[in-house]
């Protein structure tokens, strides 16, 4: 069984693999955020904490081993490295950099799932983790990232499954625009114009639950030519 509260970060420059892994892990109960390279991952990590990072080694720019080594200076978040290289020296380099496990491509998704769960079972829950929810403030609305819950004062705001997934996507990169095409992909839907229009409808409905004036949104903004962006206080 997967930990239903675990939030994973997938970092892989291959868009197809990134999307496949994200959809697979979401189906198995995880919250999943994806990053296309090390620079993108750093921006995401600057605003959020994760339970585990699945990190490709061979990426343009900064590679996964270098990123692992740097992250270990300030973070103990578990890291599972993925690589097309099966050489022993490469595995040793990754583990010496601070990775918790190492999986060579190609691999069966079920094996990845088993390794993720094995790592998470080894991680003790700290008292700070148990007591400190991670919140985004949107005026009078609070969004609990870990629980996926939205509150207005003492009242729980009911979200549909799609609205809840959209909030997970936006809260993974607050202040950063997400294109409609990316939203369609992250929602696990086929890419076409009708799906992008469906996303627009869902955004409109979500704004009614967040904004004082949905026609002039303050927190769930439209970024011309780029998509939508969550802009918390």
C-alpha atoms as a PDB file:
ATOM      1  CA  UNK A   1       0.000   0.000   0.000  1.00  0.00           C
ATOM      2  CA  UNK A   2       1.164   3.519  -0.817  1.00  0.00           C
ATOM      3  CA  UNK A   3       1.198   6.305   1.758  1.00  0.00           C
ATOM      4  CA  UNK A   4      -1.796   8.421   0.638  1.00  0.00           C
ATOM      5  CA  UNK A   5      -0.319  11.578   2.143  1.00  0.00           C
ATOM      6  CA  UNK A   6       3.133  11.274   0.549  1.00  0.00           C
ATOM      7  CA  UNK A   7       4.080  14.067  -1.862  1.00  0.00           C
ATOM      8  CA  UNK A   8       6.650  13.087  -4.491  1.00  0.00           C
ATOM      9  CA  UNK A   9       8.758  15.236  -6.796  1.00  0.00           C
ATOM     10  CA  UNK A  10       9.597  13.655 -10.176  1.00  0.00           C
ATOM     11  CA  UNK A  11      12.555  15.266 -11.987  1.00  0.00           C
ATOM     12  CA  UNK A  12      13.181  14.039 -15.536  1.00  0.00           C
ATOM     13  CA  UNK A  13      13.949  15.899 -18.759  1.00  0.00           C
ATOM     14  CA  UNK A  14      12.036  13.323 -20.843  1.00  0.00           C
ATOM     15  CA  UNK A  15       8.487  14.681 -21.058  1.00  0.00           C
ATOM     16  CA  UNK A  16       6.999  11.296 -21.955  1.00  0.00           C
ATOM     17  CA  UNK A  17       8.614   9.462 -19.043  1.00  0.00           C
ATOM     18  CA  UNK A  18       7.797  12.319 -16.679  1.00  0.00           C
ATOM     19  CA  UNK A  19       4.128  12.202 -17.638  1.00  0.00           C
ATOM     20  CA  UNK A  20       3.905   8.408 -17.478  1.00  0.00           C
ATOM     21  CA  UNK A  21       5.480   8.267 -14.030  1.00  0.00           C
ATOM     22  CA  UNK A  22       3.291  11.064 -12.748  1.00  0.00           C
ATOM     23  CA  UNK A  23       0.071   9.412 -13.905  1.00  0.00           C
ATOM     24  CA  UNK A  24       1.172   5.996 -12.625  1.00  0.00           C
ATOM     25  CA  UNK A  25       2.054   7.281  -9.160  1.00  0.00           C
ATOM     26  CA  UNK A  26      -1.089   9.419  -8.886  1.00  0.00           C
ATOM     27  CA  UNK A  27      -3.145   6.289  -9.609  1.00  0.00           C
ATOM     28  CA  UNK A  28      -1.383   4.624  -6.670  1.00  0.00           C
ATOM     29  CA  UNK A  29      -2.405   7.320  -4.224  1.00  0.00           C
ATOM     30  CA  UNK A  30       0.522   9.756  -4.193  1.00  0.00           C
ATOM     31  CA  UNK A  31       0.502  13.497  -4.608  1.00  0.00           C
ATOM     32  CA  UNK A  32       2.942  14.117  -7.452  1.00  0.00           C
ATOM     33  CA  UNK A  33       4.705  17.222  -8.732  1.00  0.00           C
ATOM     34  CA  UNK A  34       6.928  17.107 -11.817  1.00  0.00           C
ATOM     35  CA  UNK A  35       9.971  19.173 -12.816  1.00  0.00           C
ATOM     36  CA  UNK A  36      11.679  19.129 -16.207  1.00  0.00           C
ATOM     37  CA  UNK A  37      15.278  19.717 -15.060  1.00  0.00           C
ATOM     38  CA  UNK A  38      17.440  20.587 -12.070  1.00  0.00           C
ATOM     39  CA  UNK A  39      16.780  24.327 -12.332  1.00  0.00           C
ATOM     40  CA  UNK A  40      13.026  23.760 -12.383  1.00  0.00           C
ATOM     41  CA  UNK A  41      13.350  21.369  -9.437  1.00  0.00           C
ATOM     42  CA  UNK A  42      15.229  23.991  -7.416  1.00  0.00           C
ATOM     43  CA  UNK A  43      12.421  26.512  -7.951  1.00  0.00           C
ATOM     44  CA  UNK A  44       9.819  24.001  -6.821  1.00  0.00           C
ATOM     45  CA  UNK A  45      11.888  22.944  -3.805  1.00  0.00           C
ATOM     46  CA  UNK A  46      12.323  26.564  -2.733  1.00  0.00           C
ATOM     47  CA  UNK A  47       8.605  26.738  -1.946  1.00  0.00           C
ATOM     48  CA  UNK A  48       7.617  23.195  -0.984  1.00  0.00           C
ATOM     49  CA  UNK A  49       8.844  20.210   0.987  1.00  0.00           C
ATOM     50  CA  UNK A  50       8.498  16.679  -0.353  1.00  0.00           C
ATOM     51  CA  UNK A  51       8.477  13.217   1.164  1.00  0.00           C
ATOM     52  CA  UNK A  52      10.684  11.804  -1.608  1.00  0.00           C
ATOM     53  CA  UNK A  53      12.411  12.932  -4.807  1.00  0.00           C
ATOM     54  CA  UNK A  54      12.656  10.655  -7.866  1.00  0.00           C
ATOM     55  CA  UNK A  55      15.550  12.148  -9.812  1.00  0.00           C
ATOM     56  CA  UNK A  56      16.920  11.317 -13.261  1.00  0.00           C
ATOM     57  CA  UNK A  57      20.722  11.321 -13.421  1.00  0.00           C
ATOM     58  CA  UNK A  58      21.280  12.159 -17.089  1.00  0.00           C
ATOM     59  CA  UNK A  59      19.789  15.614 -17.713  1.00  0.00           C
ATOM     60  CA  UNK A  60      20.951  18.607 -19.736  1.00  0.00           C
ATOM     61  CA  UNK A  61      22.606  21.233 -17.582  1.00  0.00           C
ATOM     62  CA  UNK A  62      23.079  20.115 -13.988  1.00  0.00           C
ATOM     63  CA  UNK A  63      22.929  16.334 -13.665  1.00  0.00           C
ATOM     64  CA  UNK A  64      21.109  14.382 -10.986  1.00  0.00           C
ATOM     65  CA  UNK A  65      24.198  13.360  -9.033  1.00  0.00           C
ATOM     66  CA  UNK A  66      25.363  16.972  -8.758  1.00  0.00           C
ATOM     67  CA  UNK A  67      21.893  18.098  -7.672  1.00  0.00           C
ATOM     68  CA  UNK A  68      21.747  15.306  -5.089  1.00  0.00           C
ATOM     69  CA  UNK A  69      25.113  16.304  -3.659  1.00  0.00           C
ATOM     70  CA  UNK A  70      24.023  19.940  -3.358  1.00  0.00           C
ATOM     71  CA  UNK A  71      20.613  19.124  -1.841  1.00  0.00           C
ATOM     72  CA  UNK A  72      22.283  17.007   0.818  1.00  0.00           C
ATOM     73  CA  UNK A  73      23.969  20.130   2.202  1.00  0.00           C
ATOM     74  CA  UNK A  74      20.633  21.370   3.538  1.00  0.00           C
ATOM     75  CA  UNK A  75      18.043  18.574   3.174  1.00  0.00           C
ATOM     76  CA  UNK A  76      17.553  14.963   4.211  1.00  0.00           C
ATOM     77  CA  UNK A  77      14.589  14.344   1.896  1.00  0.00           C
ATOM     78  CA  UNK A  78      14.960  10.801   0.483  1.00  0.00           C
ATOM     79  CA  UNK A  79      16.240  10.679  -3.108  1.00  0.00           C
ATOM     80  CA  UNK A  80      15.801   7.810  -5.558  1.00  0.00           C
ATOM     81  CA  UNK A  81      18.019   8.151  -8.627  1.00  0.00           C
ATOM     82  CA  UNK A  82      17.023   6.949 -12.105  1.00  0.00           C
ATOM     83  CA  UNK A  83      19.621   6.411 -14.797  1.00  0.00           C
ATOM     84  CA  UNK A  84      20.167   4.725 -18.124  1.00  0.00           C
ATOM     85  CA  UNK A  85      23.617   3.725 -16.890  1.00  0.00           C
ATOM     86  CA  UNK A  86      23.949   0.395 -15.086  1.00  0.00           C
ATOM     87  CA  UNK A  87      27.683   0.682 -14.409  1.00  0.00           C
ATOM     88  CA  UNK A  88      28.725   0.009 -10.820  1.00  0.00           C
ATOM     89  CA  UNK A  89      30.820   3.185 -10.669  1.00  0.00           C
ATOM     90  CA  UNK A  90      27.777   5.290 -11.532  1.00  0.00           C
ATOM     91  CA  UNK A  91      25.698   3.622  -8.824  1.00  0.00           C
ATOM     92  CA  UNK A  92      28.457   4.232  -6.289  1.00  0.00           C
ATOM     93  CA  UNK A  93      28.767   7.887  -7.347  1.00  0.00           C
ATOM     94  CA  UNK A  94      25.051   8.402  -6.817  1.00  0.00           C
ATOM     95  CA  UNK A  95      25.006   6.732  -3.430  1.00  0.00           C
ATOM     96  CA  UNK A  96      28.115   8.597  -2.303  1.00  0.00           C
ATOM     97  CA  UNK A  97      26.404  11.858  -3.278  1.00  0.00           C
ATOM     98  CA  UNK A  98      23.663  11.005  -0.781  1.00  0.00           C
ATOM     99  CA  UNK A  99      21.014   9.109  -2.742  1.00  0.00           C
ATOM    100  CA  UNK A 100      18.931   6.596  -0.794  1.00  0.00           C
ATOM    101  CA  UNK A 101      18.429   4.177  -3.677  1.00  0.00           C
ATOM    102  CA  UNK A 102      19.258   3.709  -7.344  1.00  0.00           C
ATOM    103  CA  UNK A 103      17.172   2.250 -10.190  1.00  0.00           C
ATOM    104  CA  UNK A 104      18.507   1.622 -13.697  1.00  0.00           C
ATOM    105  CA  UNK A 105      16.450   2.322 -16.816  1.00  0.00           C
ATOM    106  CA  UNK A 106      14.534   0.648 -18.264  1.00  0.00           C
ATOM    107  CA  UNK A 107      12.560  -0.496 -15.240  1.00  0.00           C
ATOM    108  CA  UNK A 108       9.116  -1.793 -14.435  1.00  0.00           C
ATOM    109  CA  UNK A 109       6.915   0.897 -12.833  1.00  0.00           C
ATOM    110  CA  UNK A 110       5.891  -1.637 -10.180  1.00  0.00           C
ATOM    111  CA  UNK A 111       9.528  -1.945  -9.092  1.00  0.00           C
ATOM    112  CA  UNK A 112       9.746   1.836  -8.754  1.00  0.00           C
ATOM    113  CA  UNK A 113       6.571   1.780  -6.655  1.00  0.00           C
ATOM    114  CA  UNK A 114       7.993  -0.935  -4.378  1.00  0.00           C
ATOM    115  CA  UNK A 115      11.256   0.951  -3.892  1.00  0.00           C
ATOM    116  CA  UNK A 116       9.454   4.230  -3.127  1.00  0.00           C
ATOM    117  CA  UNK A 117       7.280   2.557  -0.513  1.00  0.00           C
ATOM    118  CA  UNK A 118      10.302   0.799   1.004  1.00  0.00           C
ATOM    119  CA  UNK A 119      12.135   4.129   1.388  1.00  0.00           C
ATOM    120  CA  UNK A 120       9.086   5.868   2.878  1.00  0.00           C
ATOM    121  CA  UNK A 121       8.604   3.081   5.423  1.00  0.00           C
ATOM    122  CA  UNK A 122      12.147   3.683   6.669  1.00  0.00           C
ATOM    123  CA  UNK A 123      11.556   7.387   7.254  1.00  0.00           C
ATOM    124  CA  UNK A 124      10.441   8.265  10.810  1.00  0.00           C
ATOM    125  CA  UNK A 125       7.786  10.942  11.181  1.00  0.00           C
ATOM    126  CA  UNK A 126       9.182  13.831  13.165  1.00  0.00           C
ATOM    127  CA  UNK A 127       7.190  15.747  15.744  1.00  0.00           C
ATOM    128  CA  UNK A 128       7.582  18.894  13.625  1.00  0.00           C
ATOM    129  CA  UNK A 129       6.143  17.114  10.595  1.00  0.00           C
ATOM    130  CA  UNK A 130       3.152  15.976  12.613  1.00  0.00           C
ATOM    131  CA  UNK A 131       2.384  19.386  14.096  1.00  0.00           C
ATOM    132  CA  UNK A 132       3.155  21.852  11.321  1.00  0.00           C
ATOM    133  CA  UNK A 133       0.763  21.833   8.353  1.00  0.00           C
ATOM    134  CA  UNK A 134       2.007  23.617   5.274  1.00  0.00           C
ATOM    135  CA  UNK A 135      -0.466  26.305   4.322  1.00  0.00           C
ATOM    136  CA  UNK A 136      -0.980  28.789   1.529  1.00  0.00           C
ATOM    137  CA  UNK A 137      -2.978  31.906   2.389  1.00  0.00           C
ATOM    138  CA  UNK A 138      -5.324  33.293  -0.260  1.00  0.00           C
ATOM    139  CA  UNK A 139      -6.968  36.211   1.537  1.00  0.00           C
ATOM    140  CA  UNK A 140      -9.609  34.694   3.852  1.00  0.00           C
ATOM    141  CA  UNK A 141      -9.000  31.253   2.299  1.00  0.00           C
ATOM    142  CA  UNK A 142      -6.379  28.801   3.589  1.00  0.00           C
ATOM    143  CA  UNK A 143      -5.134  25.836   1.564  1.00  0.00           C
ATOM    144  CA  UNK A 144      -3.484  22.963   3.450  1.00  0.00           C
ATOM    145  CA  UNK A 145      -1.002  21.520   0.942  1.00  0.00           C
ATOM    146  CA  UNK A 146      -0.394  18.265   2.777  1.00  0.00           C
ATOM    147  CA  UNK A 147      -4.049  17.451   3.351  1.00  0.00           C
ATOM    148  CA  UNK A 148      -5.315  18.922   0.097  1.00  0.00           C
ATOM    149  CA  UNK A 149      -7.957  20.832   2.061  1.00  0.00           C
ATOM    150  CA  UNK A 150      -9.278  24.363   1.551  1.00  0.00           C
ATOM    151  CA  UNK A 151     -10.773  26.346   4.410  1.00  0.00           C
ATOM    152  CA  UNK A 152     -12.618  29.658   4.657  1.00  0.00           C
ATOM    153  CA  UNK A 153     -12.521  30.586   8.315  1.00  0.00           C
ATOM    154  CA  UNK A 154     -13.763  27.495  10.159  1.00  0.00           C
ATOM    155  CA  UNK A 155     -15.648  26.183   7.128  1.00  0.00           C
ATOM    156  CA  UNK A 156     -14.243  23.469   4.884  1.00  0.00           C
ATOM    157  CA  UNK A 157     -14.563  24.417   1.201  1.00  0.00           C
ATOM    158  CA  UNK A 158     -15.779  21.426  -0.787  1.00  0.00           C
ATOM    159  CA  UNK A 159     -13.611  20.759  -3.837  1.00  0.00           C
ATOM    160  CA  UNK A 160     -14.381  18.417  -6.696  1.00  0.00           C
ATOM    161  CA  UNK A 161     -11.729  15.835  -7.582  1.00  0.00           C
ATOM    162  CA  UNK A 162     -10.554  17.972 -10.517  1.00  0.00           C
ATOM    163  CA  UNK A 163     -10.481  21.154  -8.433  1.00  0.00           C
ATOM    164  CA  UNK A 164      -8.456  19.349  -5.757  1.00  0.00           C
ATOM    165  CA  UNK A 165      -5.948  18.139  -8.353  1.00  0.00           C
ATOM    166  CA  UNK A 166      -5.672  21.643  -9.839  1.00  0.00           C
ATOM    167  CA  UNK A 167      -4.886  23.049  -6.393  1.00  0.00           C
ATOM    168  CA  UNK A 168      -2.174  20.428  -5.925  1.00  0.00           C
ATOM    169  CA  UNK A 169      -0.661  21.391  -9.270  1.00  0.00           C
ATOM    170  CA  UNK A 170      -0.747  25.137  -8.606  1.00  0.00           C
ATOM    171  CA  UNK A 171       0.460  24.849  -4.996  1.00  0.00           C
ATOM    172  CA  UNK A 172       3.509  22.925  -6.200  1.00  0.00           C
ATOM    173  CA  UNK A 173       4.792  26.050  -7.964  1.00  0.00           C
ATOM    174  CA  UNK A 174       3.170  29.156  -6.475  1.00  0.00           C
ATOM    175  CA  UNK A 175       3.988  32.305  -8.385  1.00  0.00           C
ATOM    176  CA  UNK A 176       4.821  30.339 -11.544  1.00  0.00           C
ATOM    177  CA  UNK A 177       2.517  30.212 -14.566  1.00  0.00           C
ATOM    178  CA  UNK A 178       1.287  26.791 -15.679  1.00  0.00           C
ATOM    179  CA  UNK A 179       0.126  26.465 -19.292  1.00  0.00           C
ATOM    180  CA  UNK A 180      -3.251  25.012 -20.178  1.00  0.00           C
ATOM    181  CA  UNK A 181      -1.479  22.235 -22.101  1.00  0.00           C
ATOM    182  CA  UNK A 182       0.563  21.359 -18.989  1.00  0.00           C
ATOM    183  CA  UNK A 183      -2.554  21.354 -16.839  1.00  0.00           C
ATOM    184  CA  UNK A 184      -4.237  18.955 -19.261  1.00  0.00           C
ATOM    185  CA  UNK A 185      -1.189  16.659 -19.061  1.00  0.00           C
ATOM    186  CA  UNK A 186      -0.933  16.850 -15.275  1.00  0.00           C
ATOM    187  CA  UNK A 187      -4.620  16.018 -14.976  1.00  0.00           C
ATOM    188  CA  UNK A 188      -3.916  12.859 -16.976  1.00  0.00           C
ATOM    189  CA  UNK A 189      -6.122  13.757 -19.921  1.00  0.00           C
ATOM    190  CA  UNK A 190      -5.615  13.483 -23.656  1.00  0.00           C
ATOM    191  CA  UNK A 191      -4.247  16.597 -25.295  1.00  0.00           C
ATOM    192  CA  UNK A 192      -6.731  18.438 -27.487  1.00  0.00           C
ATOM    193  CA  UNK A 193      -8.407  21.835 -27.618  1.00  0.00           C
ATOM    194  CA  UNK A 194     -11.616  20.568 -26.033  1.00  0.00           C
ATOM    195  CA  UNK A 195      -9.673  19.474 -22.939  1.00  0.00           C
ATOM    196  CA  UNK A 196      -7.972  22.872 -22.717  1.00  0.00           C
ATOM    197  CA  UNK A 197     -11.404  24.543 -22.855  1.00  0.00           C
ATOM    198  CA  UNK A 198     -12.570  22.142 -20.134  1.00  0.00           C
ATOM    199  CA  UNK A 199      -9.657  23.319 -17.983  1.00  0.00           C
ATOM    200  CA  UNK A 200     -10.818  26.915 -18.468  1.00  0.00           C
ATOM    201  CA  UNK A 201     -14.246  25.934 -17.159  1.00  0.00           C
ATOM    202  CA  UNK A 202     -12.707  24.242 -14.117  1.00  0.00           C
ATOM    203  CA  UNK A 203     -10.569  27.314 -13.415  1.00  0.00           C
ATOM    204  CA  UNK A 204     -13.684  29.495 -13.508  1.00  0.00           C
ATOM    205  CA  UNK A 205     -15.421  27.225 -10.996  1.00  0.00           C
ATOM    206  CA  UNK A 206     -12.363  27.107  -8.729  1.00  0.00           C
ATOM    207  CA  UNK A 207     -12.132  30.895  -8.732  1.00  0.00           C
ATOM    208  CA  UNK A 208     -15.679  31.097  -7.368  1.00  0.00           C
ATOM    209  CA  UNK A 209     -14.431  29.242  -4.288  1.00  0.00           C
ATOM    210  CA  UNK A 210     -11.300  31.353  -3.842  1.00  0.00           C
ATOM    211  CA  UNK A 211     -11.882  34.885  -5.111  1.00  0.00           C
ATOM    212  CA  UNK A 212     -13.938  37.708  -3.646  1.00  0.00           C
ATOM    213  CA  UNK A 213     -14.573  38.775  -7.261  1.00  0.00           C
ATOM    214  CA  UNK A 214     -14.037  35.839  -9.644  1.00  0.00           C
ATOM    215  CA  UNK A 215     -14.222  38.191 -12.652  1.00  0.00           C
ATOM    216  CA  UNK A 216     -11.215  40.104 -11.314  1.00  0.00           C
ATOM    217  CA  UNK A 217      -9.116  37.332  -9.781  1.00  0.00           C
ATOM    218  CA  UNK A 218      -6.422  38.253  -7.287  1.00  0.00           C
ATOM    219  CA  UNK A 219      -5.116  34.808  -6.326  1.00  0.00           C
ATOM    220  CA  UNK A 220      -5.745  32.519  -9.322  1.00  0.00           C
ATOM    221  CA  UNK A 221      -4.523  34.778 -12.088  1.00  0.00           C
ATOM    222  CA  UNK A 222      -4.483  34.510 -15.854  1.00  0.00           C
ATOM    223  CA  UNK A 223      -1.006  35.164 -17.252  1.00  0.00           C
ATOM    224  CA  UNK A 224      -1.403  36.292 -20.831  1.00  0.00           C
ATOM    225  CA  UNK A 225       0.281  33.901 -23.240  1.00  0.00           C
ATOM    226  CA  UNK A 226       1.515  31.647 -20.414  1.00  0.00           C
ATOM    227  CA  UNK A 227      -1.499  30.117 -18.664  1.00  0.00           C
ATOM    228  CA  UNK A 228      -2.645  30.363 -15.061  1.00  0.00           C
ATOM    229  CA  UNK A 229      -0.774  31.161 -11.843  1.00  0.00           C
ATOM    230  CA  UNK A 230      -1.556  30.826  -8.150  1.00  0.00           C
ATOM    231  CA  UNK A 231      -0.397  33.968  -6.317  1.00  0.00           C
ATOM    232  CA  UNK A 232      -0.792  33.454  -2.532  1.00  0.00           C
ATOM    233  CA  UNK A 233      -0.305  36.224   0.025  1.00  0.00           C
END
